[in-house]
Amino acid sequence: FRTEVDRMVAAASNLEPLPGYSRASLPGGLEWEHEREWAARGIPLGTDHRQQLEEIANELGVSVPWK
């Protein structure tokens, strides 16, 4: 099974991407890459989300890891 999946991933990565895209991939490929990156570097948060989480943390009396 893994050999077949690896073959399909390799075949998809060799396809010419559609206009406007830098590469071709299978469904879930981008999400898989994000999961790996975010596990290593942390989930990116926008300013608004960060502020909302800080407000909630203050209300609950807990610290946030980015301060």
C-alpha atoms as a PDB file:
ATOM      1  CA  PHE A   1       0.000   0.000   0.000  1.00  0.00           C
ATOM      2  CA  ARG A   2       2.723   2.464   0.980  1.00  0.00           C
ATOM      3  CA  THR A   3       4.632   1.730  -2.202  1.00  0.00           C
ATOM      4  CA  GLU A   4       1.542   2.519  -4.257  1.00  0.00           C
ATOM      5  CA  VAL A   5       0.858   5.741  -2.339  1.00  0.00           C
ATOM      6  CA  ASP A   6       4.488   6.812  -2.775  1.00  0.00           C
ATOM      7  CA  ARG A   7       4.183   6.109  -6.492  1.00  0.00           C
ATOM      8  CA  MET A   8       1.043   8.256  -6.770  1.00  0.00           C
ATOM      9  CA  VAL A   9       2.621  11.129  -4.826  1.00  0.00           C
ATOM     10  CA  ALA A  10       5.700  11.011  -7.048  1.00  0.00           C
ATOM     11  CA  ALA A  11       3.565  10.896 -10.196  1.00  0.00           C
ATOM     12  CA  ALA A  12       1.472  13.867  -9.048  1.00  0.00           C
ATOM     13  CA  SER A  13       4.558  15.906  -8.196  1.00  0.00           C
ATOM     14  CA  ASN A  14       5.836  15.378 -11.753  1.00  0.00           C
ATOM     15  CA  LEU A  15       2.670  16.756 -13.344  1.00  0.00           C
ATOM     16  CA  GLU A  16       2.663  20.233 -14.858  1.00  0.00           C
ATOM     17  CA  PRO A  17       0.841  22.540 -12.428  1.00  0.00           C
ATOM     18  CA  LEU A  18      -2.291  24.379 -13.450  1.00  0.00           C
ATOM     19  CA  PRO A  19      -1.911  28.055 -14.360  1.00  0.00           C
ATOM     20  CA  GLY A  20      -1.475  30.134 -11.221  1.00  0.00           C
ATOM     21  CA  TYR A  21       0.024  27.298  -9.175  1.00  0.00           C
ATOM     22  CA  SER A  22       3.684  26.596  -8.523  1.00  0.00           C
ATOM     23  CA  ARG A  23       3.294  22.813  -8.373  1.00  0.00           C
ATOM     24  CA  ALA A  24       0.865  19.922  -8.629  1.00  0.00           C
ATOM     25  CA  SER A  25      -0.043  17.840  -5.592  1.00  0.00           C
ATOM     26  CA  LEU A  26      -2.603  15.386  -4.330  1.00  0.00           C
ATOM     27  CA  PRO A  27      -5.515  16.375  -2.072  1.00  0.00           C
ATOM     28  CA  GLY A  28      -4.277  16.787   1.486  1.00  0.00           C
ATOM     29  CA  GLY A  29      -0.688  17.445   0.455  1.00  0.00           C
ATOM     30  CA  LEU A  30      -0.695  21.097   1.466  1.00  0.00           C
ATOM     31  CA  GLU A  31      -2.372  20.275   4.772  1.00  0.00           C
ATOM     32  CA  TRP A  32       0.235  17.581   5.459  1.00  0.00           C
ATOM     33  CA  GLU A  33       3.026  20.093   4.830  1.00  0.00           C
ATOM     34  CA  HIS A  34       1.371  22.668   7.099  1.00  0.00           C
ATOM     35  CA  GLU A  35       0.969  20.077   9.863  1.00  0.00           C
ATOM     36  CA  ARG A  36       4.682  19.232   9.732  1.00  0.00           C
ATOM     37  CA  GLU A  37       5.761  22.875   9.621  1.00  0.00           C
ATOM     38  CA  TRP A  38       3.403  23.981  12.394  1.00  0.00           C
ATOM     39  CA  ALA A  39       4.424  21.069  14.622  1.00  0.00           C
ATOM     40  CA  ALA A  40       8.010  22.291  14.360  1.00  0.00           C
ATOM     41  CA  ARG A  41       7.475  26.073  14.383  1.00  0.00           C
ATOM     42  CA  GLY A  42       4.058  26.578  15.973  1.00  0.00           C
ATOM     43  CA  ILE A  43       0.714  27.521  14.465  1.00  0.00           C
ATOM     44  CA  PRO A  44       0.812  31.017  12.957  1.00  0.00           C
ATOM     45  CA  LEU A  45      -1.616  33.449  14.602  1.00  0.00           C
ATOM     46  CA  GLY A  46      -2.761  36.778  13.272  1.00  0.00           C
ATOM     47  CA  THR A  47      -2.678  39.852  15.485  1.00  0.00           C
ATOM     48  CA  ASP A  48      -6.439  39.825  16.105  1.00  0.00           C
ATOM     49  CA  HIS A  49      -6.490  36.167  17.112  1.00  0.00           C
ATOM     50  CA  ARG A  50      -3.479  36.613  19.352  1.00  0.00           C
ATOM     51  CA  GLN A  51      -5.127  39.570  21.111  1.00  0.00           C
ATOM     52  CA  GLN A  52      -8.376  37.630  21.594  1.00  0.00           C
ATOM     53  CA  LEU A  53      -6.495  34.687  23.079  1.00  0.00           C
ATOM     54  CA  GLU A  54      -4.582  37.018  25.396  1.00  0.00           C
ATOM     55  CA  GLU A  55      -7.851  38.583  26.612  1.00  0.00           C
ATOM     56  CA  ILE A  56      -9.365  35.174  27.323  1.00  0.00           C
ATOM     57  CA  ALA A  57      -6.169  34.037  29.044  1.00  0.00           C
ATOM     58  CA  ASN A  58      -6.251  37.142  31.249  1.00  0.00           C
ATOM     59  CA  GLU A  59      -9.890  36.460  32.172  1.00  0.00           C
ATOM     60  CA  LEU A  60      -9.008  32.880  33.105  1.00  0.00           C
ATOM     61  CA  GLY A  61      -5.806  33.804  34.879  1.00  0.00           C
ATOM     62  CA  VAL A  62      -3.516  31.740  32.678  1.00  0.00           C
ATOM     63  CA  SER A  63      -0.376  32.763  30.823  1.00  0.00           C
ATOM     64  CA  VAL A  64       0.144  32.574  27.088  1.00  0.00           C
ATOM     65  CA  PRO A  65       3.312  30.939  25.742  1.00  0.00           C
ATOM     66  CA  TRP A  66       4.313  33.872  23.513  1.00  0.00           C
ATOM     67  CA  LYS A  67       4.766  36.438  26.297  1.00  0.00           C
END
